[in-house]
Amino acid sequence: MPTRSATRVLVALLLARRSARRISNPFEQLTLATRQLGDGRYEVDLPRWGIAEADAAADALRDSAHQVDNLLRHEREFVRDASHQLRTPL
């Protein structure tokens, strides 16, 4: 039969593991979303976690993904229009 101190240690360990998962999960999702952005997938769908640093990083990544998507869209439109005007593919 476990002693009180052993029970306390076990409870502390379980709470620490739960907290570690709660803190690390957002950053694992941010890492995955960043890799997807690098692969050309600009739809960044990340939740709000209630962790200020993770939420700020997610907001910055969403904004960056949106800006990159807009820049590429405008570049493609420019190339398409220029190609049409010159009547030759670029």
PDB file of N, CA and C in Angstrom:
ATOM      1  N   MET A   1       0.846  -1.182   0.000  1.00  0.00           N
ATOM      2  CA  MET A   1       0.000   0.000   0.000  1.00  0.00           C
ATOM      3  C   MET A   1       0.892   1.247   0.000  1.00  0.00           C
ATOM      4  N   PRO A   2       0.671   2.167  -0.963  1.00  0.00           N
ATOM      5  CA  PRO A   2       1.545   3.336  -1.064  1.00  0.00           C
ATOM      6  C   PRO A   2       1.395   4.255   0.137  1.00  0.00           C
ATOM      7  N   THR A   3       2.498   4.855   0.490  1.00  0.00           N
ATOM      8  CA  THR A   3       2.480   5.828   1.573  1.00  0.00           C
ATOM      9  C   THR A   3       1.933   7.146   1.064  1.00  0.00           C
ATOM     10  N   ARG A   4       1.644   8.027   1.999  1.00  0.00           N
ATOM     11  CA  ARG A   4       1.121   9.343   1.600  1.00  0.00           C
ATOM     12  C   ARG A   4       2.101  10.102   0.722  1.00  0.00           C
ATOM     13  N   SER A   5       3.356  10.038   1.063  1.00  0.00           N
ATOM     14  CA  SER A   5       4.345  10.778   0.266  1.00  0.00           C
ATOM     15  C   SER A   5       4.465  10.172  -1.135  1.00  0.00           C
ATOM     16  N   ALA A   6       4.365   8.872  -1.244  1.00  0.00           N
ATOM     17  CA  ALA A   6       4.414   8.236  -2.564  1.00  0.00           C
ATOM     18  C   ALA A   6       3.187   8.620  -3.379  1.00  0.00           C
ATOM     19  N   THR A   7       2.041   8.717  -2.743  1.00  0.00           N
ATOM     20  CA  THR A   7       0.817   9.128  -3.430  1.00  0.00           C
ATOM     21  C   THR A   7       0.943  10.567  -3.910  1.00  0.00           C
ATOM     22  N   ARG A   8       1.499  11.414  -3.067  1.00  0.00           N
ATOM     23  CA  ARG A   8       1.692  12.820  -3.454  1.00  0.00           C
ATOM     24  C   ARG A   8       2.631  12.937  -4.649  1.00  0.00           C
ATOM     25  N   VAL A   9       3.685  12.158  -4.609  1.00  0.00           N
ATOM     26  CA  VAL A   9       4.637  12.173  -5.723  1.00  0.00           C
ATOM     27  C   VAL A   9       3.953  11.700  -7.003  1.00  0.00           C
ATOM     28  N   LEU A  10       3.159  10.651  -6.910  1.00  0.00           N
ATOM     29  CA  LEU A  10       2.443  10.133  -8.073  1.00  0.00           C
ATOM     30  C   LEU A  10       1.473  11.174  -8.623  1.00  0.00           C
ATOM     31  N   VAL A  11       0.721  11.831  -7.753  1.00  0.00           N
ATOM     32  CA  VAL A  11      -0.213  12.875  -8.188  1.00  0.00           C
ATOM     33  C   VAL A  11       0.552  14.028  -8.832  1.00  0.00           C
ATOM     34  N   ALA A  12       1.656  14.437  -8.219  1.00  0.00           N
ATOM     35  CA  ALA A  12       2.472  15.517  -8.781  1.00  0.00           C
ATOM     36  C   ALA A  12       3.007  15.133 -10.156  1.00  0.00           C
ATOM     37  N   LEU A  13       3.434  13.889 -10.296  1.00  0.00           N
ATOM     38  CA  LEU A  13       3.940  13.411 -11.585  1.00  0.00           C
ATOM     39  C   LEU A  13       2.849  13.450 -12.645  1.00  0.00           C
ATOM     40  N   LEU A  14       1.666  12.986 -12.309  1.00  0.00           N
ATOM     41  CA  LEU A  14       0.560  12.993 -13.264  1.00  0.00           C
ATOM     42  C   LEU A  14       0.176  14.419 -13.664  1.00  0.00           C
ATOM     43  N   LEU A  15       0.134  15.323 -12.705  1.00  0.00           N
ATOM     44  CA  LEU A  15      -0.189  16.722 -13.016  1.00  0.00           C
ATOM     45  C   LEU A  15       0.902  17.366 -13.868  1.00  0.00           C
ATOM     46  N   ALA A  16       2.145  17.038 -13.594  1.00  0.00           N
ATOM     47  CA  ALA A  16       3.254  17.592 -14.374  1.00  0.00           C
ATOM     48  C   ALA A  16       3.199  17.099 -15.820  1.00  0.00           C
ATOM     49  N   ARG A  17       2.898  15.815 -16.003  1.00  0.00           N
ATOM     50  CA  ARG A  17       2.792  15.274 -17.359  1.00  0.00           C
ATOM     51  C   ARG A  17       1.646  15.932 -18.126  1.00  0.00           C
ATOM     52  N   ARG A  18       0.538  16.130 -17.440  1.00  0.00           N
ATOM     53  CA  ARG A  18      -0.608  16.786 -18.073  1.00  0.00           C
ATOM     54  C   ARG A  18      -0.257  18.214 -18.477  1.00  0.00           C
ATOM     55  N   SER A  19       0.411  18.938 -17.591  1.00  0.00           N
ATOM     56  CA  SER A  19       0.818  20.315 -17.906  1.00  0.00           C
ATOM     57  C   SER A  19       1.819  20.349 -19.049  1.00  0.00           C
ATOM     58  N   ALA A  20       2.749  19.423 -19.048  1.00  0.00           N
ATOM     59  CA  ALA A  20       3.757  19.375 -20.116  1.00  0.00           C
ATOM     60  C   ALA A  20       3.086  19.140 -21.469  1.00  0.00           C
ATOM     61  N   ARG A  21       2.091  18.239 -21.506  1.00  0.00           N
ATOM     62  CA  ARG A  21       1.367  17.993 -22.760  1.00  0.00           C
ATOM     63  C   ARG A  21       0.594  19.230 -23.196  1.00  0.00           C
ATOM     64  N   ARG A  22      -0.029  19.903 -22.235  1.00  0.00           N
ATOM     65  CA  ARG A  22      -0.809  21.099 -22.556  1.00  0.00           C
ATOM     66  C   ARG A  22       0.089  22.193 -23.135  1.00  0.00           C
ATOM     67  N   ILE A  23       1.293  22.290 -22.631  1.00  0.00           N
ATOM     68  CA  ILE A  23       2.217  23.327 -23.097  1.00  0.00           C
ATOM     69  C   ILE A  23       2.891  22.923 -24.407  1.00  0.00           C
ATOM     70  N   SER A  24       3.266  21.662 -24.552  1.00  0.00           N
ATOM     71  CA  SER A  24       4.011  21.256 -25.748  1.00  0.00           C
ATOM     72  C   SER A  24       3.125  21.062 -26.974  1.00  0.00           C
ATOM     73  N   ASN A  25       1.888  20.669 -26.806  1.00  0.00           N
ATOM     74  CA  ASN A  25       1.000  20.408 -27.936  1.00  0.00           C
ATOM     75  C   ASN A  25       0.873  21.596 -28.888  1.00  0.00           C
ATOM     76  N   PRO A  26       0.635  22.819 -28.392  1.00  0.00           N
ATOM     77  CA  PRO A  26       0.537  23.951 -29.326  1.00  0.00           C
ATOM     78  C   PRO A  26       1.794  24.139 -30.168  1.00  0.00           C
ATOM     79  N   PHE A  27       2.953  23.944 -29.555  1.00  0.00           N
ATOM     80  CA  PHE A  27       4.187  24.165 -30.294  1.00  0.00           C
ATOM     81  C   PHE A  27       4.454  23.050 -31.298  1.00  0.00           C
ATOM     82  N   GLU A  28       3.989  21.853 -31.014  1.00  0.00           N
ATOM     83  CA  GLU A  28       4.068  20.783 -32.002  1.00  0.00           C
ATOM     84  C   GLU A  28       3.161  21.098 -33.195  1.00  0.00           C
ATOM     85  N   GLN A  29       1.963  21.613 -32.922  1.00  0.00           N
ATOM     86  CA  GLN A  29       1.053  21.987 -34.004  1.00  0.00           C
ATOM     87  C   GLN A  29       1.606  23.161 -34.807  1.00  0.00           C
ATOM     88  N   LEU A  30       2.244  24.112 -34.135  1.00  0.00           N
ATOM     89  CA  LEU A  30       2.862  25.238 -34.836  1.00  0.00           C
ATOM     90  C   LEU A  30       3.987  24.756 -35.748  1.00  0.00           C
ATOM     91  N   THR A  31       4.780  23.822 -35.265  1.00  0.00           N
ATOM     92  CA  THR A  31       5.865  23.271 -36.080  1.00  0.00           C
ATOM     93  C   THR A  31       5.311  22.593 -37.327  1.00  0.00           C
ATOM     94  N   LEU A  32       4.276  21.799 -37.171  1.00  0.00           N
ATOM     95  CA  LEU A  32       3.652  21.128 -38.309  1.00  0.00           C
ATOM     96  C   LEU A  32       3.086  22.140 -39.303  1.00  0.00           C
ATOM     97  N   ALA A  33       2.394  23.158 -38.807  1.00  0.00           N
ATOM     98  CA  ALA A  33       1.821  24.185 -39.686  1.00  0.00           C
ATOM     99  C   ALA A  33       2.919  24.944 -40.429  1.00  0.00           C
ATOM    100  N   THR A  34       4.030  25.192 -39.758  1.00  0.00           N
ATOM    101  CA  THR A  34       5.148  25.892 -40.399  1.00  0.00           C
ATOM    102  C   THR A  34       5.739  25.045 -41.522  1.00  0.00           C
ATOM    103  N   ARG A  35       5.876  23.766 -41.277  1.00  0.00           N
ATOM    104  CA  ARG A  35       6.379  22.863 -42.328  1.00  0.00           C
ATOM    105  C   ARG A  35       5.409  22.815 -43.511  1.00  0.00           C
ATOM    106  N   GLN A  36       4.115  22.800 -43.233  1.00  0.00           N
ATOM    107  CA  GLN A  36       3.121  22.789 -44.303  1.00  0.00           C
ATOM    108  C   GLN A  36       3.189  24.085 -45.103  1.00  0.00           C
ATOM    109  N   LEU A  37       3.394  25.200 -44.434  1.00  0.00           N
ATOM    110  CA  LEU A  37       3.554  26.479 -45.131  1.00  0.00           C
ATOM    111  C   LEU A  37       4.762  26.419 -46.054  1.00  0.00           C
ATOM    112  N   GLY A  38       5.853  25.842 -45.565  1.00  0.00           N
ATOM    113  CA  GLY A  38       7.046  25.681 -46.393  1.00  0.00           C
ATOM    114  C   GLY A  38       6.814  24.789 -47.597  1.00  0.00           C
ATOM    115  N   ASP A  39       5.852  23.885 -47.483  1.00  0.00           N
ATOM    116  CA  ASP A  39       5.511  22.992 -48.597  1.00  0.00           C
ATOM    117  C   ASP A  39       4.488  23.611 -49.544  1.00  0.00           C
ATOM    118  N   GLY A  40       4.097  24.848 -49.292  1.00  0.00           N
ATOM    119  CA  GLY A  40       3.187  25.524 -50.201  1.00  0.00           C
ATOM    120  C   GLY A  40       1.722  25.440 -49.819  1.00  0.00           C
ATOM    121  N   ARG A  41       1.419  24.991 -48.630  1.00  0.00           N
ATOM    122  CA  ARG A  41       0.028  24.954 -48.156  1.00  0.00           C
ATOM    123  C   ARG A  41      -0.194  26.170 -47.269  1.00  0.00           C
ATOM    124  N   TYR A  42      -0.947  27.128 -47.779  1.00  0.00           N
ATOM    125  CA  TYR A  42      -1.067  28.433 -47.124  1.00  0.00           C
ATOM    126  C   TYR A  42      -2.291  28.572 -46.237  1.00  0.00           C
ATOM    127  N   GLU A  43      -3.120  27.548 -46.164  1.00  0.00           N
ATOM    128  CA  GLU A  43      -4.278  27.575 -45.275  1.00  0.00           C
ATOM    129  C   GLU A  43      -3.830  27.125 -43.896  1.00  0.00           C
ATOM    130  N   VAL A  44      -3.528  28.068 -43.044  1.00  0.00           N
ATOM    131  CA  VAL A  44      -3.070  27.753 -41.692  1.00  0.00           C
ATOM    132  C   VAL A  44      -4.275  27.818 -40.758  1.00  0.00           C
ATOM    133  N   ASP A  45      -4.670  26.668 -40.263  1.00  0.00           N
ATOM    134  CA  ASP A  45      -5.834  26.581 -39.392  1.00  0.00           C
ATOM    135  C   ASP A  45      -5.374  26.116 -38.011  1.00  0.00           C
ATOM    136  N   LEU A  46      -5.117  27.071 -37.141  1.00  0.00           N
ATOM    137  CA  LEU A  46      -4.656  26.759 -35.796  1.00  0.00           C
ATOM    138  C   LEU A  46      -5.648  27.308 -34.774  1.00  0.00           C
ATOM    139  N   PRO A  47      -5.879  26.550 -33.719  1.00  0.00           N
ATOM    140  CA  PRO A  47      -6.819  27.017 -32.696  1.00  0.00           C
ATOM    141  C   PRO A  47      -6.171  28.045 -31.772  1.00  0.00           C
ATOM    142  N   ARG A  48      -6.950  28.596 -30.875  1.00  0.00           N
ATOM    143  CA  ARG A  48      -6.433  29.430 -29.784  1.00  0.00           C
ATOM    144  C   ARG A  48      -6.263  28.488 -28.599  1.00  0.00           C
ATOM    145  N   TRP A  49      -5.110  28.536 -27.975  1.00  0.00           N
ATOM    146  CA  TRP A  49      -4.823  27.612 -26.886  1.00  0.00           C
ATOM    147  C   TRP A  49      -4.943  28.255 -25.508  1.00  0.00           C
ATOM    148  N   GLY A  50      -4.971  29.568 -25.450  1.00  0.00           N
ATOM    149  CA  GLY A  50      -4.990  30.218 -24.150  1.00  0.00           C
ATOM    150  C   GLY A  50      -3.605  30.336 -23.539  1.00  0.00           C
ATOM    151  N   ILE A  51      -2.584  30.089 -24.343  1.00  0.00           N
ATOM    152  CA  ILE A  51      -1.187  30.288 -23.933  1.00  0.00           C
ATOM    153  C   ILE A  51      -0.704  31.458 -24.772  1.00  0.00           C
ATOM    154  N   ALA A  52      -0.417  32.579 -24.114  1.00  0.00           N
ATOM    155  CA  ALA A  52      -0.143  33.829 -24.830  1.00  0.00           C
ATOM    156  C   ALA A  52       0.926  33.673 -25.910  1.00  0.00           C
ATOM    157  N   GLU A  53       2.012  33.017 -25.597  1.00  0.00           N
ATOM    158  CA  GLU A  53       3.116  32.882 -26.545  1.00  0.00           C
ATOM    159  C   GLU A  53       2.722  32.026 -27.745  1.00  0.00           C
ATOM    160  N   ALA A  54       2.018  30.938 -27.497  1.00  0.00           N
ATOM    161  CA  ALA A  54       1.587  30.058 -28.591  1.00  0.00           C
ATOM    162  C   ALA A  54       0.549  30.755 -29.456  1.00  0.00           C
ATOM    163  N   ASP A  55      -0.379  31.471 -28.836  1.00  0.00           N
ATOM    164  CA  ASP A  55      -1.397  32.191 -29.599  1.00  0.00           C
ATOM    165  C   ASP A  55      -0.762  33.294 -30.447  1.00  0.00           C
ATOM    166  N   ALA A  56       0.231  33.990 -29.894  1.00  0.00           N
ATOM    167  CA  ALA A  56       0.920  35.043 -30.656  1.00  0.00           C
ATOM    168  C   ALA A  56       1.681  34.444 -31.836  1.00  0.00           C
ATOM    169  N   ALA A  57       2.338  33.308 -31.621  1.00  0.00           N
ATOM    170  CA  ALA A  57       3.068  32.646 -32.710  1.00  0.00           C
ATOM    171  C   ALA A  57       2.096  32.182 -33.791  1.00  0.00           C
ATOM    172  N   ALA A  58       0.939  31.652 -33.393  1.00  0.00           N
ATOM    173  CA  ALA A  58      -0.062  31.206 -34.363  1.00  0.00           C
ATOM    174  C   ALA A  58      -0.604  32.383 -35.162  1.00  0.00           C
ATOM    175  N   ASP A  59      -0.848  33.503 -34.492  1.00  0.00           N
ATOM    176  CA  ASP A  59      -1.323  34.697 -35.199  1.00  0.00           C
ATOM    177  C   ASP A  59      -0.290  35.161 -36.225  1.00  0.00           C
ATOM    178  N   ALA A  60       0.975  35.187 -35.828  1.00  0.00           N
ATOM    179  CA  ALA A  60       2.042  35.613 -36.738  1.00  0.00           C
ATOM    180  C   ALA A  60       2.154  34.660 -37.922  1.00  0.00           C
ATOM    181  N   LEU A  61       2.021  33.361 -37.668  1.00  0.00           N
ATOM    182  CA  LEU A  61       2.115  32.383 -38.753  1.00  0.00           C
ATOM    183  C   LEU A  61       0.934  32.511 -39.703  1.00  0.00           C
ATOM    184  N   ARG A  62      -0.267  32.720 -39.165  1.00  0.00           N
ATOM    185  CA  ARG A  62      -1.450  32.932 -40.016  1.00  0.00           C
ATOM    186  C   ARG A  62      -1.266  34.166 -40.890  1.00  0.00           C
ATOM    187  N   ASP A  63      -0.801  35.259 -40.287  1.00  0.00           N
ATOM    188  CA  ASP A  63      -0.584  36.500 -41.045  1.00  0.00           C
ATOM    189  C   ASP A  63       0.461  36.296 -42.141  1.00  0.00           C
ATOM    190  N   SER A  64       1.553  35.633 -41.802  1.00  0.00           N
ATOM    191  CA  SER A  64       2.609  35.382 -42.788  1.00  0.00           C
ATOM    192  C   SER A  64       2.103  34.515 -43.931  1.00  0.00           C
ATOM    193  N   ALA A  65       1.359  33.481 -43.596  1.00  0.00           N
ATOM    194  CA  ALA A  65       0.820  32.594 -44.632  1.00  0.00           C
ATOM    195  C   ALA A  65      -0.104  33.372 -45.563  1.00  0.00           C
ATOM    196  N   HIS A  66      -0.928  34.228 -44.999  1.00  0.00           N
ATOM    197  CA  HIS A  66      -1.846  35.038 -45.805  1.00  0.00           C
ATOM    198  C   HIS A  66      -1.066  35.980 -46.729  1.00  0.00           C
ATOM    199  N   GLN A  67      -0.022  36.614 -46.206  1.00  0.00           N
ATOM    200  CA  GLN A  67       0.790  37.530 -47.020  1.00  0.00           C
ATOM    201  C   GLN A  67       1.509  36.800 -48.144  1.00  0.00           C
ATOM    202  N   VAL A  68       2.083  35.651 -47.845  1.00  0.00           N
ATOM    203  CA  VAL A  68       2.778  34.879 -48.880  1.00  0.00           C
ATOM    204  C   VAL A  68       1.793  34.434 -49.952  1.00  0.00           C
ATOM    205  N   ASP A  69       0.624  33.979 -49.535  1.00  0.00           N
ATOM    206  CA  ASP A  69      -0.399  33.554 -50.488  1.00  0.00           C
ATOM    207  C   ASP A  69      -0.796  34.718 -51.396  1.00  0.00           C
ATOM    208  N   ASN A  70      -1.022  35.894 -50.823  1.00  0.00           N
ATOM    209  CA  ASN A  70      -1.385  37.069 -51.634  1.00  0.00           C
ATOM    210  C   ASN A  70      -0.271  37.463 -52.590  1.00  0.00           C
ATOM    211  N   LEU A  71       0.970  37.471 -52.120  1.00  0.00           N
ATOM    212  CA  LEU A  71       2.091  37.821 -52.993  1.00  0.00           C
ATOM    213  C   LEU A  71       2.206  36.862 -54.168  1.00  0.00           C
ATOM    214  N   LEU A  72       2.084  35.579 -53.900  1.00  0.00           N
ATOM    215  CA  LEU A  72       2.177  34.598 -54.982  1.00  0.00           C
ATOM    216  C   LEU A  72       1.014  34.718 -55.952  1.00  0.00           C
ATOM    217  N   ARG A  73      -0.164  34.990 -55.433  1.00  0.00           N
ATOM    218  CA  ARG A  73      -1.332  35.153 -56.302  1.00  0.00           C
ATOM    219  C   ARG A  73      -1.117  36.356 -57.231  1.00  0.00           C
ATOM    220  N   HIS A  74      -0.646  37.468 -56.680  1.00  0.00           N
ATOM    221  CA  HIS A  74      -0.408  38.657 -57.501  1.00  0.00           C
ATOM    222  C   HIS A  74       0.699  38.409 -58.522  1.00  0.00           C
ATOM    223  N   GLU A  75       1.727  37.693 -58.117  1.00  0.00           N
ATOM    224  CA  GLU A  75       2.821  37.392 -59.048  1.00  0.00           C
ATOM    225  C   GLU A  75       2.319  36.530 -60.198  1.00  0.00           C
ATOM    226  N   ARG A  76       1.517  35.541 -59.899  1.00  0.00           N
ATOM    227  CA  ARG A  76       0.970  34.679 -60.955  1.00  0.00           C
ATOM    228  C   ARG A  76       0.074  35.466 -61.900  1.00  0.00           C
ATOM    229  N   GLU A  77      -0.742  36.348 -61.342  1.00  0.00           N
ATOM    230  CA  GLU A  77      -1.606  37.183 -62.190  1.00  0.00           C
ATOM    231  C   GLU A  77      -0.773  38.087 -63.090  1.00  0.00           C
ATOM    232  N   PHE A  78       0.291  38.661 -62.547  1.00  0.00           N
ATOM    233  CA  PHE A  78       1.158  39.529 -63.340  1.00  0.00           C
ATOM    234  C   PHE A  78       1.791  38.746 -64.483  1.00  0.00           C
ATOM    235  N   VAL A  79       2.326  37.574 -64.181  1.00  0.00           N
ATOM    236  CA  VAL A  79       2.980  36.761 -65.217  1.00  0.00           C
ATOM    237  C   VAL A  79       1.968  36.353 -66.278  1.00  0.00           C
ATOM    238  N   ARG A  80       0.765  35.965 -65.838  1.00  0.00           N
ATOM    239  CA  ARG A  80      -0.269  35.576 -66.797  1.00  0.00           C
ATOM    240  C   ARG A  80      -0.638  36.756 -67.698  1.00  0.00           C
ATOM    241  N   ASP A  81      -0.825  37.937 -67.097  1.00  0.00           N
ATOM    242  CA  ASP A  81      -1.185  39.112 -67.881  1.00  0.00           C
ATOM    243  C   ASP A  81      -0.047  39.544 -68.813  1.00  0.00           C
ATOM    244  N   ALA A  82       1.180  39.517 -68.297  1.00  0.00           N
ATOM    245  CA  ALA A  82       2.324  39.892 -69.140  1.00  0.00           C
ATOM    246  C   ALA A  82       2.487  38.916 -70.294  1.00  0.00           C
ATOM    247  N   SER A  83       2.315  37.662 -70.018  1.00  0.00           N
ATOM    248  CA  SER A  83       2.426  36.637 -71.059  1.00  0.00           C
ATOM    249  C   SER A  83       1.361  36.854 -72.126  1.00  0.00           C
ATOM    250  N   HIS A  84       0.157  37.179 -71.695  1.00  0.00           N
ATOM    251  CA  HIS A  84      -0.924  37.430 -72.653  1.00  0.00           C
ATOM    252  C   HIS A  84      -0.616  38.680 -73.500  1.00  0.00           C
ATOM    253  N   GLN A  85      -0.133  39.721 -72.849  1.00  0.00           N
ATOM    254  CA  GLN A  85       0.170  40.972 -73.560  1.00  0.00           C
ATOM    255  C   GLN A  85       1.295  40.755 -74.581  1.00  0.00           C
ATOM    256  N   LEU A  86       2.275  39.961 -74.212  1.00  0.00           N
ATOM    257  CA  LEU A  86       3.394  39.715 -75.106  1.00  0.00           C
ATOM    258  C   LEU A  86       3.127  38.581 -76.095  1.00  0.00           C
ATOM    259  N   ARG A  87       2.034  37.867 -75.862  1.00  0.00           N
ATOM    260  CA  ARG A  87       1.646  36.718 -76.674  1.00  0.00           C
ATOM    261  C   ARG A  87       2.746  35.653 -76.744  1.00  0.00           C
ATOM    262  N   THR A  88       3.410  35.521 -75.641  1.00  0.00           N
ATOM    263  CA  THR A  88       4.416  34.480 -75.550  1.00  0.00           C
ATOM    264  C   THR A  88       4.454  34.016 -74.096  1.00  0.00           C
ATOM    265  N   PRO A  89       4.598  32.732 -73.872  1.00  0.00           N
ATOM    266  CA  PRO A  89       4.630  32.246 -72.485  1.00  0.00           C
ATOM    267  C   PRO A  89       5.912  32.670 -71.771  1.00  0.00           C
ATOM    268  N   LEU A  90       5.750  32.987 -70.507  1.00  0.00           N
ATOM    269  CA  LEU A  90       6.918  33.317 -69.677  1.00  0.00           C
ATOM    270  C   LEU A  90       7.216  32.173 -68.735  1.00  0.00           C
TER     271      LEU A  90
END
